[in-house]
Amino acid sequence: MSDENPFADATLPSPIAIHLDHVWVQYRLRHAHHYNLKRTLTNFVTRKREEPEIITALNDVSMAIPAGARVGVSGPNGAGKSTLLSVMAGLLTPTKGTSKVQGRVLALLGGPNEGLDPEQTGRENALSLGVKLGDSLSDMQERMDDIREFSGLGARFDHPVYTYSSGMQVRLRFTTITSVRADILVVDEGIGAADADFNSRAEERLNVFYGHSGTLVLASHSDDVLATHCDEAMHLERGVVSKDGFAPWLD
């Protein structure tokens, strides 16, 4: 296996689920003075050019993650974890380089209430969220009883979400998401549950959810979370994958 990247060996027996080839992601940051009319006119007259600041979120990242891998992503805030996962999920096009994914991707990159419409009922939200995540309407309809029961919403399942407490909203989203299956699961900072009683029931469901994904890429600040669900890991610093940052909890 390559010393540079444990996922980059072309002789790996498994097919490749995610392949990044020299991926760069850069943003052009324009400050307020770039939009100042007087300054713009002055620069035009004097032929002075003010270039925007370039922010590099990913710096020449290459890897080939085999199907079935359970990969953790660690790194400080601003290291590029969310950007990396967005590229892997096909939600963000690299500035340079290529990203290829083989299989159906389920990307969970939002907050605990991401994807819920407060005007819709819990049932309507579960249906629409499941469809947005890639499942068919008929499949989601078959899961409604399970989602209502596991979330503990009971009759409130058919009430508008704006009448829910924050904990009820989290339980609805968690239960709906973990009912969906995908070839590749990309998760940023895990999936929040709710209160202590629900968390104890949710842990087993979450383990099954992660286990049923063909390939898992999970970003987290918690080494315990990564060690529980992942077999290998990569560490990011300023958009660069550290070659000595793999599997930090393994001998």
Protein backbone atom coordinates (compact mmCIF):
# COMPACT_ATOMS: atom_id res chain seq x y z
CA MET A 1 0.00 0.00 0.00
CA SER A 2 1.25 3.49 -0.82
CA ASP A 3 3.02 5.44 1.93
CA GLU A 4 1.33 8.60 0.67
CA ASN A 5 -2.27 7.41 0.89
CA PRO A 6 -3.66 4.14 2.22
CA PHE A 7 -6.58 4.42 -0.22
CA ALA A 8 -4.46 5.05 -3.32
CA ASP A 9 -3.24 1.52 -4.10
CA ALA A 10 -4.63 0.43 -7.47
CA THR A 11 -4.14 -3.26 -6.52
CA LEU A 12 -6.84 -3.14 -3.83
CA PRO A 13 -9.23 -6.09 -4.36
CA SER A 14 -12.40 -4.10 -3.77
CA PRO A 15 -13.92 -1.83 -6.43
CA ILE A 16 -13.42 1.87 -5.83
CA ALA A 17 -16.42 3.72 -4.37
CA ILE A 18 -14.93 7.25 -4.24
CA HIS A 19 -12.01 8.45 -6.37
CA LEU A 20 -10.55 11.93 -6.00
CA ASP A 21 -7.76 12.86 -8.41
CA HIS A 22 -5.71 15.97 -7.52
CA VAL A 23 -8.75 17.82 -6.21
CA TRP A 24 -8.50 21.51 -5.38
CA VAL A 25 -11.32 23.66 -4.05
CA GLN A 26 -10.68 27.41 -3.98
CA TYR A 27 -12.95 30.36 -3.27
CA ARG A 28 -12.50 33.92 -4.47
CA LEU A 29 -13.15 36.14 -1.45
CA ARG A 30 -14.18 39.68 -2.31
CA HIS A 31 -14.23 42.26 0.48
CA ALA A 32 -16.59 45.20 0.86
CA HIS A 33 -14.16 47.62 -0.77
CA HIS A 34 -14.35 45.61 -4.00
CA TYR A 35 -17.95 46.79 -4.30
CA ASN A 36 -17.28 50.46 -3.48
CA LEU A 37 -18.28 52.49 -6.54
CA LYS A 38 -15.88 55.38 -5.91
CA ARG A 39 -12.95 53.02 -5.41
CA THR A 40 -13.95 51.04 -8.50
CA LEU A 41 -14.02 54.20 -10.64
CA THR A 42 -10.68 55.36 -9.23
CA ASN A 43 -9.10 52.01 -9.98
CA PHE A 44 -10.55 52.14 -13.51
CA VAL A 45 -9.05 55.58 -14.16
CA THR A 46 -5.66 54.66 -12.71
CA ARG A 47 -5.81 51.18 -14.28
CA LYS A 48 -5.19 49.60 -10.93
CA ARG A 49 -6.42 46.06 -10.44
CA GLU A 50 -7.42 44.70 -7.04
CA GLU A 51 -7.46 40.93 -7.13
CA PRO A 52 -9.79 39.09 -4.76
CA GLU A 53 -8.27 36.97 -1.98
CA ILE A 54 -8.06 33.26 -2.83
CA ILE A 55 -9.08 30.81 -0.07
CA THR A 56 -7.92 27.23 -0.59
CA ALA A 57 -10.28 24.78 1.12
CA LEU A 58 -8.79 21.60 -0.40
CA ASN A 59 -5.19 21.43 -1.57
CA ASP A 60 -4.37 18.75 -4.17
CA VAL A 61 -6.24 15.87 -2.52
CA SER A 62 -6.07 12.42 -4.15
CA MET A 63 -7.49 9.16 -2.84
CA ALA A 64 -9.31 6.02 -3.94
CA ILE A 65 -11.64 4.72 -1.22
CA PRO A 66 -12.61 1.07 -1.83
CA ALA A 67 -16.23 -0.03 -1.59
CA GLY A 68 -17.04 -1.24 1.90
CA ALA A 69 -14.48 0.97 3.65
CA ARG A 70 -15.41 2.68 6.92
CA VAL A 71 -13.41 5.92 6.89
CA GLY A 72 -13.28 8.59 9.58
CA VAL A 73 -12.31 12.19 8.85
CA SER A 74 -10.80 14.29 11.63
CA GLY A 75 -9.36 17.79 11.79
CA PRO A 76 -9.94 21.19 13.41
CA ASN A 77 -12.63 23.66 12.40
CA GLY A 78 -11.78 25.16 9.03
CA ALA A 79 -9.57 22.23 8.01
CA GLY A 80 -11.75 21.42 4.99
CA LYS A 81 -13.75 18.44 6.29
CA SER A 82 -17.15 19.69 5.16
CA THR A 83 -15.75 20.73 1.79
CA LEU A 84 -14.16 17.32 1.32
CA LEU A 85 -17.42 15.53 2.13
CA SER A 86 -19.37 17.82 -0.20
CA VAL A 87 -17.01 16.92 -3.04
CA MET A 88 -17.27 13.21 -2.21
CA ALA A 89 -21.06 13.44 -2.23
CA GLY A 90 -21.10 15.18 -5.62
CA LEU A 91 -22.61 18.35 -4.15
CA LEU A 92 -19.57 20.52 -4.88
CA THR A 93 -17.58 20.62 -8.12
CA PRO A 94 -13.80 20.92 -7.57
CA THR A 95 -12.03 24.01 -8.84
CA LYS A 96 -9.39 21.68 -10.29
CA GLY A 97 -9.12 17.91 -10.47
CA THR A 98 -11.85 15.28 -10.72
CA SER A 99 -14.18 13.44 -8.37
CA LYS A 100 -15.90 10.17 -9.30
CA VAL A 101 -18.38 8.18 -7.23
CA GLN A 102 -19.66 4.67 -7.94
CA GLY A 103 -23.04 4.02 -6.34
CA ARG A 104 -25.96 5.85 -4.81
CA VAL A 105 -24.83 8.46 -2.29
CA LEU A 106 -26.69 9.56 0.83
CA ALA A 107 -25.18 12.83 2.08
CA LEU A 108 -26.06 14.02 5.60
CA LEU A 109 -24.30 17.35 5.90
CA GLY A 110 -26.88 19.59 7.59
CA GLY A 111 -27.84 20.42 11.16
CA PRO A 112 -30.24 18.48 13.41
CA ASN A 113 -33.35 20.13 11.91
CA GLU A 114 -32.08 20.36 8.32
CA GLY A 115 -34.69 19.44 5.72
CA LEU A 116 -37.83 19.90 7.84
CA ASP A 117 -40.68 22.13 6.71
CA PRO A 118 -42.43 23.59 9.80
CA GLU A 119 -45.72 24.00 7.92
CA GLN A 120 -45.91 20.31 7.01
CA THR A 121 -46.94 17.51 9.35
CA GLY A 122 -44.45 15.01 10.68
CA ARG A 123 -45.77 12.43 8.22
CA GLU A 124 -45.46 14.81 5.26
CA ASN A 125 -41.94 15.75 6.35
CA ALA A 126 -40.90 12.11 6.67
CA LEU A 127 -42.18 11.38 3.16
CA SER A 128 -40.60 14.43 1.53
CA LEU A 129 -37.29 14.08 3.40
CA GLY A 130 -36.98 10.42 2.44
CA VAL A 131 -37.66 11.24 -1.22
CA LYS A 132 -35.11 14.10 -1.12
CA LEU A 133 -32.57 11.62 0.23
CA GLY A 134 -33.18 9.35 -2.75
CA ASP A 135 -35.83 6.80 -1.77
CA SER A 136 -39.06 6.28 -3.68
CA LEU A 137 -42.36 7.60 -2.41
CA SER A 138 -43.81 4.08 -2.23
CA ASP A 139 -40.86 2.84 -0.14
CA MET A 140 -41.21 5.75 2.26
CA GLN A 141 -44.97 5.20 2.58
CA GLU A 142 -44.28 1.61 3.67
CA ARG A 143 -42.03 2.92 6.47
CA MET A 144 -44.45 5.44 7.96
CA ASP A 145 -45.65 3.15 10.76
CA ASP A 146 -42.07 2.36 11.77
CA ILE A 147 -41.07 6.03 11.71
CA ARG A 148 -44.09 7.09 13.76
CA GLU A 149 -43.54 4.33 16.32
CA PHE A 150 -39.78 4.66 16.73
CA SER A 151 -39.86 8.46 16.91
CA GLY A 152 -42.43 8.23 19.71
CA LEU A 153 -44.57 10.96 18.14
CA GLY A 154 -47.83 9.02 18.25
CA ALA A 155 -50.79 11.16 17.18
CA ARG A 156 -48.45 14.17 16.90
CA PHE A 157 -47.02 12.54 13.78
CA ASP A 158 -49.91 14.12 11.87
CA HIS A 159 -49.56 17.57 13.44
CA PRO A 160 -47.57 20.45 11.87
CA VAL A 161 -43.89 20.43 12.77
CA TYR A 162 -44.01 24.03 13.99
CA THR A 163 -45.96 22.70 16.99
CA TYR A 164 -43.11 20.29 17.87
CA SER A 165 -40.46 20.84 20.49
CA SER A 166 -36.87 20.84 19.26
CA GLY A 167 -36.44 17.33 20.66
CA MET A 168 -39.47 16.06 18.72
CA GLN A 169 -38.09 17.57 15.51
CA VAL A 170 -34.73 15.90 16.06
CA ARG A 171 -36.40 12.53 16.73
CA LEU A 172 -38.45 12.84 13.53
CA ARG A 173 -35.43 13.70 11.40
CA PHE A 174 -33.21 11.05 12.99
CA THR A 175 -35.79 8.28 12.56
CA THR A 176 -36.56 9.24 8.97
CA ILE A 177 -32.91 9.44 7.94
CA THR A 178 -31.99 6.13 9.53
CA SER A 179 -34.79 4.40 7.60
CA VAL A 180 -33.04 5.15 4.28
CA ARG A 181 -30.37 2.92 2.70
CA ALA A 182 -27.58 3.89 0.28
CA ASP A 183 -24.43 2.47 -1.31
CA ILE A 184 -22.29 5.32 0.03
CA LEU A 185 -23.07 7.19 3.24
CA VAL A 186 -21.34 10.55 3.79
CA VAL A 187 -21.98 12.09 7.23
CA ASP A 188 -20.71 15.35 8.72
CA GLU A 189 -20.55 15.40 12.55
CA GLY A 190 -22.86 12.44 13.05
CA ILE A 191 -26.65 12.41 13.37
CA GLY A 192 -28.07 14.03 16.46
CA ALA A 193 -30.65 12.15 18.50
CA ALA A 194 -32.56 13.93 21.27
CA ASP A 195 -33.03 13.15 24.96
CA ALA A 196 -31.38 10.45 27.06
CA ASP A 197 -34.26 7.97 26.78
CA PHE A 198 -34.38 8.27 23.00
CA ASN A 199 -30.57 8.16 22.71
CA SER A 200 -30.44 4.75 24.34
CA ARG A 201 -32.85 3.36 21.73
CA ALA A 202 -31.29 5.34 18.91
CA GLU A 203 -27.76 3.98 19.40
CA GLU A 204 -28.64 0.49 18.15
CA ARG A 205 -30.62 1.91 15.22
CA LEU A 206 -27.68 4.15 14.30
CA ASN A 207 -25.27 1.20 14.38
CA VAL A 208 -27.56 -0.73 12.02
CA PHE A 209 -27.89 2.33 9.76
CA TYR A 210 -24.12 2.77 9.49
CA GLY A 211 -23.63 -0.98 9.12
CA HIS A 212 -26.05 -1.25 6.20
CA SER A 213 -24.23 1.40 4.18
CA GLY A 214 -21.88 -0.12 1.63
CA THR A 215 -19.23 2.57 2.23
CA LEU A 216 -19.12 5.02 5.13
CA VAL A 217 -17.29 8.34 5.33
CA LEU A 218 -17.86 10.00 8.70
CA ALA A 219 -16.42 13.34 9.82
CA SER A 220 -16.33 14.11 13.52
CA HIS A 221 -14.35 15.94 16.19
CA SER A 222 -14.81 12.93 18.48
CA ASP A 223 -12.19 10.17 18.33
CA ASP A 224 -14.62 7.93 20.23
CA VAL A 225 -17.27 8.31 17.50
CA LEU A 226 -14.73 7.61 14.76
CA ALA A 227 -13.27 4.64 16.61
CA THR A 228 -16.74 3.16 17.11
CA HIS A 229 -17.87 3.33 13.49
CA CYS A 230 -14.70 3.51 11.37
CA ASP A 231 -11.80 1.19 10.55
CA GLU A 232 -9.45 3.78 9.05
CA ALA A 233 -9.14 7.54 9.25
CA MET A 234 -7.69 10.55 7.53
CA HIS A 235 -6.70 13.82 9.19
CA LEU A 236 -7.06 17.20 7.50
CA GLU A 237 -5.07 20.35 8.19
CA ARG A 238 -5.69 23.44 6.06
CA GLY A 239 -7.10 21.40 3.21
CA VAL A 240 -4.26 18.89 3.13
CA VAL A 241 -4.61 15.20 4.03
CA SER A 242 -1.91 14.34 6.55
CA LYS A 243 -0.13 11.15 5.42
CA ASP A 244 0.70 10.23 9.03
CA GLY A 245 -2.81 10.95 10.33
CA PHE A 246 -4.50 7.68 9.43
CA ALA A 247 -6.17 5.48 12.03
CA PRO A 248 -4.77 7.46 15.01
CA TRP A 249 -6.47 5.15 17.55
CA LEU A 250 -5.13 1.89 16.05
CA ASP A 251 -1.81 0.21 16.87
